[in-house]
Amino acid sequence: MRDNDKTPSPPSAPAISDEVILKMAKEIAVKFIEVGRIAPAGFASSFAEIYRAIERTVRGGKP
């Protein structure tokens, strides 16, 4: 088989920085507070859960 018979691999997705994940988590947490899904007093624990969920999703980590 010749080298040019190989199927090219698809381009990989660009890496998502911690800053982008942080901004996404903040926006989601703020929206949840606005619609009454979480209380402002529970922001810290809710934010941590939201951040971890986004991070697992974009980086393919364990659930």
C-alpha atoms as a PDB file:
ATOM      1  CA  MET A   1       0.000   0.000   0.000  1.00  0.00           C
ATOM      2  CA  ARG A   2       1.328   3.450  -0.867  1.00  0.00           C
ATOM      3  CA  ASP A   3       1.521   6.360   1.594  1.00  0.00           C
ATOM      4  CA  ASN A   4      -0.896   8.526  -0.366  1.00  0.00           C
ATOM      5  CA  ASP A   5      -3.616   5.826  -0.113  1.00  0.00           C
ATOM      6  CA  LYS A   6      -4.115   6.608   3.574  1.00  0.00           C
ATOM      7  CA  THR A   7      -7.334   8.278   4.625  1.00  0.00           C
ATOM      8  CA  PRO A   8      -6.616  11.600   6.314  1.00  0.00           C
ATOM      9  CA  SER A   9      -7.780  11.890   9.891  1.00  0.00           C
ATOM     10  CA  PRO A  10     -10.368  14.555  10.681  1.00  0.00           C
ATOM     11  CA  PRO A  11      -9.028  17.746  12.242  1.00  0.00           C
ATOM     12  CA  SER A  12      -9.129  17.756  16.004  1.00  0.00           C
ATOM     13  CA  ALA A  13     -11.291  20.250  17.874  1.00  0.00           C
ATOM     14  CA  PRO A  14      -9.475  23.266  19.271  1.00  0.00           C
ATOM     15  CA  ALA A  15      -8.671  23.140  22.957  1.00  0.00           C
ATOM     16  CA  ILE A  16     -11.040  25.024  25.231  1.00  0.00           C
ATOM     17  CA  SER A  17      -9.305  27.058  27.911  1.00  0.00           C
ATOM     18  CA  ASP A  18     -10.197  27.132  31.595  1.00  0.00           C
ATOM     19  CA  GLU A  19     -11.195  30.768  31.113  1.00  0.00           C
ATOM     20  CA  VAL A  20     -13.816  29.847  28.526  1.00  0.00           C
ATOM     21  CA  ILE A  21     -15.227  27.123  30.781  1.00  0.00           C
ATOM     22  CA  LEU A  22     -15.301  29.607  33.663  1.00  0.00           C
ATOM     23  CA  LYS A  23     -17.227  32.159  31.595  1.00  0.00           C
ATOM     24  CA  MET A  24     -19.696  29.532  30.388  1.00  0.00           C
ATOM     25  CA  ALA A  25     -20.313  28.281  33.923  1.00  0.00           C
ATOM     26  CA  LYS A  26     -20.826  31.825  35.189  1.00  0.00           C
ATOM     27  CA  GLU A  27     -23.350  32.644  32.481  1.00  0.00           C
ATOM     28  CA  ILE A  28     -25.306  29.464  33.141  1.00  0.00           C
ATOM     29  CA  ALA A  29     -25.279  30.012  36.916  1.00  0.00           C
ATOM     30  CA  VAL A  30     -26.446  33.614  36.522  1.00  0.00           C
ATOM     31  CA  LYS A  31     -29.235  32.521  34.159  1.00  0.00           C
ATOM     32  CA  PHE A  32     -30.337  29.841  36.648  1.00  0.00           C
ATOM     33  CA  ILE A  33     -30.490  32.496  39.390  1.00  0.00           C
ATOM     34  CA  GLU A  34     -32.497  34.840  37.124  1.00  0.00           C
ATOM     35  CA  VAL A  35     -35.111  32.180  36.367  1.00  0.00           C
ATOM     36  CA  GLY A  36     -35.259  30.980  39.980  1.00  0.00           C
ATOM     37  CA  ARG A  37     -33.706  27.581  39.378  1.00  0.00           C
ATOM     38  CA  ILE A  38     -31.061  28.174  42.083  1.00  0.00           C
ATOM     39  CA  ALA A  39     -30.934  30.635  44.975  1.00  0.00           C
ATOM     40  CA  PRO A  40     -28.150  33.229  45.150  1.00  0.00           C
ATOM     41  CA  ALA A  41     -27.145  31.723  48.512  1.00  0.00           C
ATOM     42  CA  GLY A  42     -26.417  28.423  46.777  1.00  0.00           C
ATOM     43  CA  PHE A  43     -24.245  29.980  44.077  1.00  0.00           C
ATOM     44  CA  ALA A  44     -20.937  28.503  45.295  1.00  0.00           C
ATOM     45  CA  SER A  45     -21.990  24.870  45.306  1.00  0.00           C
ATOM     46  CA  SER A  46     -24.136  25.208  42.186  1.00  0.00           C
ATOM     47  CA  PHE A  47     -21.349  26.977  40.307  1.00  0.00           C
ATOM     48  CA  ALA A  48     -18.886  24.206  41.158  1.00  0.00           C
ATOM     49  CA  GLU A  49     -21.283  21.549  39.867  1.00  0.00           C
ATOM     50  CA  ILE A  50     -21.988  23.497  36.668  1.00  0.00           C
ATOM     51  CA  TYR A  51     -18.260  24.080  36.070  1.00  0.00           C
ATOM     52  CA  ARG A  52     -17.422  20.386  36.530  1.00  0.00           C
ATOM     53  CA  ALA A  53     -20.250  19.332  34.208  1.00  0.00           C
ATOM     54  CA  ILE A  54     -19.035  21.661  31.453  1.00  0.00           C
ATOM     55  CA  GLU A  55     -15.428  20.621  31.966  1.00  0.00           C
ATOM     56  CA  ARG A  56     -16.305  16.901  31.742  1.00  0.00           C
ATOM     57  CA  THR A  57     -18.313  17.562  28.594  1.00  0.00           C
ATOM     58  CA  VAL A  58     -15.697  19.542  26.691  1.00  0.00           C
ATOM     59  CA  ARG A  59     -12.679  17.560  27.864  1.00  0.00           C
ATOM     60  CA  GLY A  60     -14.245  14.104  27.852  1.00  0.00           C
ATOM     61  CA  GLY A  61     -13.531  13.344  31.495  1.00  0.00           C
ATOM     62  CA  LYS A  62     -15.201  10.867  33.797  1.00  0.00           C
ATOM     63  CA  PRO A  63     -18.759  11.614  35.000  1.00  0.00           C
END
